[in-house]
Amino acid sequence: MADFLTVALVCAGTLAAPDCSRDTALDVAVAPAPTPMACLMQGETLAASSGLLRGSETYLKVACERRRTAALRPAAEAQ
């Protein structure tokens, strides 16, 4: 399983880069990545191949997130 997620955020050109997040983005594309370097490299490719960018009215912001996994507990502890 990949340890990272590439998150490609397509944000309105009028939105400041620090304010561009999953909540404020116009479009979000997410894909697994095995390493931080692979995460950064595939961000632009992910957005370009999906057709999410809309010329000069939007911009791309790529974020790499560590994948979160739920802690598994034995069934006896869960009760």
PDB file of N, CA and C in Angstrom:
ATOM      1  N   MET A   1       0.844  -1.175   0.000  1.00  0.00           N
ATOM      2  CA  MET A   1       0.000   0.000   0.000  1.00  0.00           C
ATOM      3  C   MET A   1       0.888   1.237   0.000  1.00  0.00           C
ATOM      4  N   ALA A   2       0.454   2.236  -0.729  1.00  0.00           N
ATOM      5  CA  ALA A   2       1.198   3.495  -0.797  1.00  0.00           C
ATOM      6  C   ALA A   2       1.064   4.246   0.525  1.00  0.00           C
ATOM      7  N   ASP A   3       2.153   4.862   0.958  1.00  0.00           N
ATOM      8  CA  ASP A   3       2.153   5.591   2.219  1.00  0.00           C
ATOM      9  C   ASP A   3       1.703   7.032   2.071  1.00  0.00           C
ATOM     10  N   PHE A   4       1.639   7.527   0.830  1.00  0.00           N
ATOM     11  CA  PHE A   4       1.310   8.933   0.602  1.00  0.00           C
ATOM     12  C   PHE A   4       0.160   9.063  -0.382  1.00  0.00           C
ATOM     13  N   LEU A   5      -0.464  10.225  -0.350  1.00  0.00           N
ATOM     14  CA  LEU A   5      -1.498  10.564  -1.319  1.00  0.00           C
ATOM     15  C   LEU A   5      -1.095  11.837  -2.033  1.00  0.00           C
ATOM     16  N   THR A   6      -1.191  11.823  -3.346  1.00  0.00           N
ATOM     17  CA  THR A   6      -1.023  13.042  -4.123  1.00  0.00           C
ATOM     18  C   THR A   6      -2.386  13.708  -4.171  1.00  0.00           C
ATOM     19  N   VAL A   7      -2.442  14.964  -3.773  1.00  0.00           N
ATOM     20  CA  VAL A   7      -3.691  15.713  -3.811  1.00  0.00           C
ATOM     21  C   VAL A   7      -3.479  16.889  -4.758  1.00  0.00           C
ATOM     22  N   ALA A   8      -4.175  16.850  -5.893  1.00  0.00           N
ATOM     23  CA  ALA A   8      -4.094  17.933  -6.880  1.00  0.00           C
ATOM     24  C   ALA A   8      -5.317  18.815  -6.681  1.00  0.00           C
ATOM     25  N   LEU A   9      -5.081  20.068  -6.299  1.00  0.00           N
ATOM     26  CA  LEU A   9      -6.157  21.020  -6.046  1.00  0.00           C
ATOM     27  C   LEU A   9      -6.209  22.036  -7.176  1.00  0.00           C
ATOM     28  N   VAL A  10      -7.353  22.180  -7.789  1.00  0.00           N
ATOM     29  CA  VAL A  10      -7.547  23.194  -8.821  1.00  0.00           C
ATOM     30  C   VAL A  10      -8.330  24.328  -8.163  1.00  0.00           C
ATOM     31  N   CYS A  11      -7.671  25.479  -8.043  1.00  0.00           N
ATOM     32  CA  CYS A  11      -8.272  26.608  -7.328  1.00  0.00           C
ATOM     33  C   CYS A  11      -8.515  27.786  -8.260  1.00  0.00           C
ATOM     34  N   ALA A  12      -9.487  28.605  -7.897  1.00  0.00           N
ATOM     35  CA  ALA A  12      -9.798  29.807  -8.669  1.00  0.00           C
ATOM     36  C   ALA A  12      -8.606  30.747  -8.628  1.00  0.00           C
ATOM     37  N   GLY A  13      -8.334  31.398  -9.747  1.00  0.00           N
ATOM     38  CA  GLY A  13      -7.207  32.319  -9.838  1.00  0.00           C
ATOM     39  C   GLY A  13      -7.300  33.473  -8.859  1.00  0.00           C
ATOM     40  N   THR A  14      -8.487  33.763  -8.362  1.00  0.00           N
ATOM     41  CA  THR A  14      -8.675  34.857  -7.412  1.00  0.00           C
ATOM     42  C   THR A  14      -8.416  34.441  -5.973  1.00  0.00           C
ATOM     43  N   LEU A  15      -8.212  33.139  -5.742  1.00  0.00           N
ATOM     44  CA  LEU A  15      -7.972  32.627  -4.389  1.00  0.00           C
ATOM     45  C   LEU A  15      -6.472  32.606  -4.101  1.00  0.00           C
ATOM     46  N   ALA A  16      -6.077  33.164  -2.963  1.00  0.00           N
ATOM     47  CA  ALA A  16      -4.663  33.159  -2.568  1.00  0.00           C
ATOM     48  C   ALA A  16      -4.190  31.726  -2.337  1.00  0.00           C
ATOM     49  N   ALA A  17      -2.964  31.425  -2.733  1.00  0.00           N
ATOM     50  CA  ALA A  17      -2.425  30.066  -2.610  1.00  0.00           C
ATOM     51  C   ALA A  17      -2.519  29.497  -1.190  1.00  0.00           C
ATOM     52  N   PRO A  18      -2.225  30.269  -0.129  1.00  0.00           N
ATOM     53  CA  PRO A  18      -2.348  29.693   1.218  1.00  0.00           C
ATOM     54  C   PRO A  18      -3.788  29.302   1.577  1.00  0.00           C
ATOM     55  N   ASP A  19      -4.762  29.906   0.897  1.00  0.00           N
ATOM     56  CA  ASP A  19      -6.163  29.604   1.186  1.00  0.00           C
ATOM     57  C   ASP A  19      -6.704  28.447   0.348  1.00  0.00           C
ATOM     58  N   CYS A  20      -5.925  27.959  -0.585  1.00  0.00           N
ATOM     59  CA  CYS A  20      -6.348  26.848  -1.437  1.00  0.00           C
ATOM     60  C   CYS A  20      -6.217  25.542  -0.655  1.00  0.00           C
ATOM     61  N   SER A  21      -7.337  24.874  -0.433  1.00  0.00           N
ATOM     62  CA  SER A  21      -7.355  23.624   0.328  1.00  0.00           C
ATOM     63  C   SER A  21      -8.402  22.699  -0.277  1.00  0.00           C
ATOM     64  N   ARG A  22      -8.540  21.511   0.270  1.00  0.00           N
ATOM     65  CA  ARG A  22      -9.570  20.590  -0.207  1.00  0.00           C
ATOM     66  C   ARG A  22     -10.955  21.225  -0.099  1.00  0.00           C
ATOM     67  N   ASP A  23     -11.153  22.047   0.914  1.00  0.00           N
ATOM     68  CA  ASP A  23     -12.463  22.670   1.132  1.00  0.00           C
ATOM     69  C   ASP A  23     -12.752  23.817   0.173  1.00  0.00           C
ATOM     70  N   THR A  24     -11.727  24.522  -0.274  1.00  0.00           N
ATOM     71  CA  THR A  24     -11.944  25.711  -1.112  1.00  0.00           C
ATOM     72  C   THR A  24     -11.664  25.478  -2.590  1.00  0.00           C
ATOM     73  N   ALA A  25     -11.102  24.346  -2.934  1.00  0.00           N
ATOM     74  CA  ALA A  25     -10.745  24.055  -4.324  1.00  0.00           C
ATOM     75  C   ALA A  25     -11.994  23.846  -5.179  1.00  0.00           C
ATOM     76  N   LEU A  26     -11.876  24.193  -6.456  1.00  0.00           N
ATOM     77  CA  LEU A  26     -12.953  23.955  -7.411  1.00  0.00           C
ATOM     78  C   LEU A  26     -13.044  22.472  -7.754  1.00  0.00           C
ATOM     79  N   ASP A  27     -11.893  21.828  -7.875  1.00  0.00           N
ATOM     80  CA  ASP A  27     -11.807  20.394  -8.156  1.00  0.00           C
ATOM     81  C   ASP A  27     -10.660  19.803  -7.360  1.00  0.00           C
ATOM     82  N   VAL A  28     -10.811  18.542  -6.987  1.00  0.00           N
ATOM     83  CA  VAL A  28      -9.776  17.830  -6.233  1.00  0.00           C
ATOM     84  C   VAL A  28      -9.586  16.460  -6.871  1.00  0.00           C
ATOM     85  N   ALA A  29      -8.342  16.091  -7.121  1.00  0.00           N
ATOM     86  CA  ALA A  29      -8.013  14.757  -7.618  1.00  0.00           C
ATOM     87  C   ALA A  29      -7.015  14.149  -6.642  1.00  0.00           C
ATOM     88  N   VAL A  30      -7.222  12.893  -6.287  1.00  0.00           N
ATOM     89  CA  VAL A  30      -6.375  12.213  -5.307  1.00  0.00           C
ATOM     90  C   VAL A  30      -5.911  10.883  -5.893  1.00  0.00           C
ATOM     91  N   ALA A  31      -4.636  10.572  -5.680  1.00  0.00           N
ATOM     92  CA  ALA A  31      -4.075   9.301  -6.149  1.00  0.00           C
ATOM     93  C   ALA A  31      -3.011   8.834  -5.165  1.00  0.00           C
ATOM     94  N   PRO A  32      -2.854   7.524  -4.994  1.00  0.00           N
ATOM     95  CA  PRO A  32      -1.811   7.007  -4.104  1.00  0.00           C
ATOM     96  C   PRO A  32      -0.423   7.227  -4.688  1.00  0.00           C
ATOM     97  N   ALA A  33       0.549   7.387  -3.805  1.00  0.00           N
ATOM     98  CA  ALA A  33       1.947   7.557  -4.215  1.00  0.00           C
ATOM     99  C   ALA A  33       2.841   6.804  -3.231  1.00  0.00           C
ATOM    100  N   PRO A  34       3.847   6.101  -3.726  1.00  0.00           N
ATOM    101  CA  PRO A  34       4.707   5.313  -2.840  1.00  0.00           C
ATOM    102  C   PRO A  34       5.725   6.139  -2.052  1.00  0.00           C
ATOM    103  N   THR A  35       6.134   7.301  -2.602  1.00  0.00           N
ATOM    104  CA  THR A  35       7.153   8.127  -1.947  1.00  0.00           C
ATOM    105  C   THR A  35       6.781   9.601  -2.094  1.00  0.00           C
ATOM    106  N   PRO A  36       7.358  10.471  -1.259  1.00  0.00           N
ATOM    107  CA  PRO A  36       7.094  11.906  -1.416  1.00  0.00           C
ATOM    108  C   PRO A  36       7.526  12.440  -2.787  1.00  0.00           C
ATOM    109  N   MET A  37       8.628  11.960  -3.325  1.00  0.00           N
ATOM    110  CA  MET A  37       9.095  12.419  -4.631  1.00  0.00           C
ATOM    111  C   MET A  37       8.101  12.021  -5.725  1.00  0.00           C
ATOM    112  N   ALA A  38       7.628  10.802  -5.681  1.00  0.00           N
ATOM    113  CA  ALA A  38       6.635  10.345  -6.660  1.00  0.00           C
ATOM    114  C   ALA A  38       5.355  11.157  -6.520  1.00  0.00           C
ATOM    115  N   CYS A  39       5.014  11.504  -5.310  1.00  0.00           N
ATOM    116  CA  CYS A  39       3.825  12.315  -5.041  1.00  0.00           C
ATOM    117  C   CYS A  39       3.913  13.651  -5.760  1.00  0.00           C
ATOM    118  N   LEU A  40       5.014  14.339  -5.614  1.00  0.00           N
ATOM    119  CA  LEU A  40       5.189  15.644  -6.252  1.00  0.00           C
ATOM    120  C   LEU A  40       5.231  15.530  -7.767  1.00  0.00           C
ATOM    121  N   MET A  41       5.868  14.475  -8.267  1.00  0.00           N
ATOM    122  CA  MET A  41       6.012  14.318  -9.705  1.00  0.00           C
ATOM    123  C   MET A  41       4.682  14.004 -10.378  1.00  0.00           C
ATOM    124  N   GLN A  42       3.812  13.279  -9.713  1.00  0.00           N
ATOM    125  CA  GLN A  42       2.573  12.878 -10.375  1.00  0.00           C
ATOM    126  C   GLN A  42       1.449  13.892 -10.211  1.00  0.00           C
ATOM    127  N   GLY A  43       1.603  14.908  -9.384  1.00  0.00           N
ATOM    128  CA  GLY A  43       0.547  15.895  -9.169  1.00  0.00           C
ATOM    129  C   GLY A  43       0.120  16.621 -10.420  1.00  0.00           C
ATOM    130  N   GLU A  44       1.082  17.173 -11.158  1.00  0.00           N
ATOM    131  CA  GLU A  44       0.755  17.897 -12.389  1.00  0.00           C
ATOM    132  C   GLU A  44       0.205  16.957 -13.449  1.00  0.00           C
ATOM    133  N   THR A  45       0.757  15.771 -13.535  1.00  0.00           N
ATOM    134  CA  THR A  45       0.273  14.791 -14.502  1.00  0.00           C
ATOM    135  C   THR A  45      -1.159  14.398 -14.201  1.00  0.00           C
ATOM    136  N   LEU A  46      -1.455  14.213 -12.929  1.00  0.00           N
ATOM    137  CA  LEU A  46      -2.802  13.849 -12.504  1.00  0.00           C
ATOM    138  C   LEU A  46      -3.811  14.912 -12.921  1.00  0.00           C
ATOM    139  N   ALA A  47      -3.504  16.154 -12.667  1.00  0.00           N
ATOM    140  CA  ALA A  47      -4.419  17.244 -13.021  1.00  0.00           C
ATOM    141  C   ALA A  47      -4.520  17.415 -14.531  1.00  0.00           C
ATOM    142  N   ALA A  48      -3.410  17.338 -15.234  1.00  0.00           N
ATOM    143  CA  ALA A  48      -3.415  17.533 -16.682  1.00  0.00           C
ATOM    144  C   ALA A  48      -4.190  16.427 -17.400  1.00  0.00           C
ATOM    145  N   SER A  49      -4.001  15.205 -16.977  1.00  0.00           N
ATOM    146  CA  SER A  49      -4.675  14.095 -17.656  1.00  0.00           C
ATOM    147  C   SER A  49      -6.159  14.040 -17.342  1.00  0.00           C
ATOM    148  N   SER A  50      -6.576  14.649 -16.247  1.00  0.00           N
ATOM    149  CA  SER A  50      -7.991  14.631 -15.887  1.00  0.00           C
ATOM    150  C   SER A  50      -8.762  15.776 -16.538  1.00  0.00           C
ATOM    151  N   GLY A  51      -8.049  16.743 -17.114  1.00  0.00           N
ATOM    152  CA  GLY A  51      -8.708  17.874 -17.763  1.00  0.00           C
ATOM    153  C   GLY A  51      -9.309  18.866 -16.785  1.00  0.00           C
ATOM    154  N   LEU A  52      -8.793  18.925 -15.576  1.00  0.00           N
ATOM    155  CA  LEU A  52      -9.366  19.796 -14.547  1.00  0.00           C
ATOM    156  C   LEU A  52      -8.991  21.270 -14.705  1.00  0.00           C
ATOM    157  N   LEU A  53      -7.817  21.537 -15.275  1.00  0.00           N
ATOM    158  CA  LEU A  53      -7.364  22.928 -15.371  1.00  0.00           C
ATOM    159  C   LEU A  53      -8.158  23.693 -16.425  1.00  0.00           C
ATOM    160  N   ARG A  54      -8.473  24.937 -16.112  1.00  0.00           N
ATOM    161  CA  ARG A  54      -9.290  25.764 -17.006  1.00  0.00           C
ATOM    162  C   ARG A  54      -8.553  27.033 -17.413  1.00  0.00           C
ATOM    163  N   GLY A  55      -7.433  26.888 -18.036  1.00  0.00           N
ATOM    164  CA  GLY A  55      -6.686  28.045 -18.532  1.00  0.00           C
ATOM    165  C   GLY A  55      -6.205  28.969 -17.434  1.00  0.00           C
ATOM    166  N   SER A  56      -6.255  30.267 -17.708  1.00  0.00           N
ATOM    167  CA  SER A  56      -5.698  31.254 -16.778  1.00  0.00           C
ATOM    168  C   SER A  56      -6.636  31.592 -15.626  1.00  0.00           C
ATOM    169  N   GLU A  57      -7.853  31.084 -15.637  1.00  0.00           N
ATOM    170  CA  GLU A  57      -8.774  31.395 -14.547  1.00  0.00           C
ATOM    171  C   GLU A  57      -8.604  30.487 -13.338  1.00  0.00           C
ATOM    172  N   THR A  58      -7.770  29.448 -13.467  1.00  0.00           N
ATOM    173  CA  THR A  58      -7.498  28.543 -12.348  1.00  0.00           C
ATOM    174  C   THR A  58      -5.995  28.289 -12.247  1.00  0.00           C
ATOM    175  N   TYR A  59      -5.584  27.729 -11.125  1.00  0.00           N
ATOM    176  CA  TYR A  59      -4.187  27.298 -10.976  1.00  0.00           C
ATOM    177  C   TYR A  59      -4.163  25.985 -10.209  1.00  0.00           C
ATOM    178  N   LEU A  60      -3.060  25.284 -10.317  1.00  0.00           N
ATOM    179  CA  LEU A  60      -2.882  23.983  -9.693  1.00  0.00           C
ATOM    180  C   LEU A  60      -2.016  24.106  -8.449  1.00  0.00           C
ATOM    181  N   LYS A  61      -2.460  23.474  -7.395  1.00  0.00           N
ATOM    182  CA  LYS A  61      -1.649  23.367  -6.182  1.00  0.00           C
ATOM    183  C   LYS A  61      -1.564  21.874  -5.856  1.00  0.00           C
ATOM    184  N   VAL A  62      -0.355  21.367  -5.690  1.00  0.00           N
ATOM    185  CA  VAL A  62      -0.156  19.955  -5.392  1.00  0.00           C
ATOM    186  C   VAL A  62       0.263  19.815  -3.938  1.00  0.00           C
ATOM    187  N   ALA A  63      -0.415  18.931  -3.239  1.00  0.00           N
ATOM    188  CA  ALA A  63      -0.079  18.649  -1.845  1.00  0.00           C
ATOM    189  C   ALA A  63       0.175  17.150  -1.713  1.00  0.00           C
ATOM    190  N   CYS A  64       1.091  16.798  -0.854  1.00  0.00           N
ATOM    191  CA  CYS A  64       1.359  15.404  -0.552  1.00  0.00           C
ATOM    192  C   CYS A  64       0.964  15.162   0.903  1.00  0.00           C
ATOM    193  N   GLU A  65       0.134  14.180   1.104  1.00  0.00           N
ATOM    194  CA  GLU A  65      -0.341  13.875   2.454  1.00  0.00           C
ATOM    195  C   GLU A  65       0.053  12.455   2.806  1.00  0.00           C
ATOM    196  N   ARG A  66       0.376  12.267   4.066  1.00  0.00           N
ATOM    197  CA  ARG A  66       0.636  10.912   4.541  1.00  0.00           C
ATOM    198  C   ARG A  66      -0.715  10.222   4.688  1.00  0.00           C
ATOM    199  N   ARG A  67      -0.799   9.014   4.180  1.00  0.00           N
ATOM    200  CA  ARG A  67      -2.047   8.259   4.257  1.00  0.00           C
ATOM    201  C   ARG A  67      -2.352   7.926   5.719  1.00  0.00           C
ATOM    202  N   ARG A  68      -3.568   8.149   6.112  1.00  0.00           N
ATOM    203  CA  ARG A  68      -3.993   7.810   7.472  1.00  0.00           C
ATOM    204  C   ARG A  68      -4.684   6.460   7.444  1.00  0.00           C
ATOM    205  N   THR A  69      -4.373   5.644   8.435  1.00  0.00           N
ATOM    206  CA  THR A  69      -5.026   4.344   8.536  1.00  0.00           C
ATOM    207  C   THR A  69      -5.631   4.215   9.923  1.00  0.00           C
ATOM    208  N   ALA A  70      -6.744   3.559   9.975  1.00  0.00           N
ATOM    209  CA  ALA A  70      -7.405   3.336  11.261  1.00  0.00           C
ATOM    210  C   ALA A  70      -6.635   2.272  12.023  1.00  0.00           C
ATOM    211  N   ALA A  71      -6.505   2.488  13.304  1.00  0.00           N
ATOM    212  CA  ALA A  71      -5.839   1.500  14.151  1.00  0.00           C
ATOM    213  C   ALA A  71      -6.774   0.312  14.327  1.00  0.00           C
ATOM    214  N   LEU A  72      -6.244  -0.857  14.129  1.00  0.00           N
ATOM    215  CA  LEU A  72      -7.055  -2.057  14.282  1.00  0.00           C
ATOM    216  C   LEU A  72      -6.914  -2.587  15.696  1.00  0.00           C
ATOM    217  N   ARG A  73      -8.046  -2.889  16.305  1.00  0.00           N
ATOM    218  CA  ARG A  73      -8.029  -3.450  17.657  1.00  0.00           C
ATOM    219  C   ARG A  73      -8.613  -4.854  17.603  1.00  0.00           C
ATOM    220  N   PRO A  74      -8.145  -5.754  18.460  1.00  0.00           N
ATOM    221  CA  PRO A  74      -8.743  -7.081  18.519  1.00  0.00           C
ATOM    222  C   PRO A  74     -10.221  -6.968  18.900  1.00  0.00           C
ATOM    223  N   ALA A  75     -11.043  -7.873  18.421  1.00  0.00           N
ATOM    224  CA  ALA A  75     -12.482  -7.844  18.652  1.00  0.00           C
ATOM    225  C   ALA A  75     -12.822  -7.807  20.145  1.00  0.00           C
ATOM    226  N   ALA A  76     -12.042  -8.468  20.977  1.00  0.00           N
ATOM    227  CA  ALA A  76     -12.314  -8.515  22.422  1.00  0.00           C
ATOM    228  C   ALA A  76     -12.202  -7.118  23.034  1.00  0.00           C
ATOM    229  N   GLU A  77     -11.262  -6.297  22.557  1.00  0.00           N
ATOM    230  CA  GLU A  77     -11.082  -4.939  23.089  1.00  0.00           C
ATOM    231  C   GLU A  77     -12.176  -4.000  22.610  1.00  0.00           C
ATOM    232  N   ALA A  78     -12.735  -4.238  21.442  1.00  0.00           N
ATOM    233  CA  ALA A  78     -13.726  -3.340  20.870  1.00  0.00           C
ATOM    234  C   ALA A  78     -15.055  -3.408  21.625  1.00  0.00           C
ATOM    235  N   GLN A  79     -15.306  -4.496  22.347  1.00  0.00           N
ATOM    236  CA  GLN A  79     -16.579  -4.643  23.063  1.00  0.00           C
ATOM    237  C   GLN A  79     -16.524  -4.045  24.397  1.00  0.00           C
TER     238      GLN A  79
END
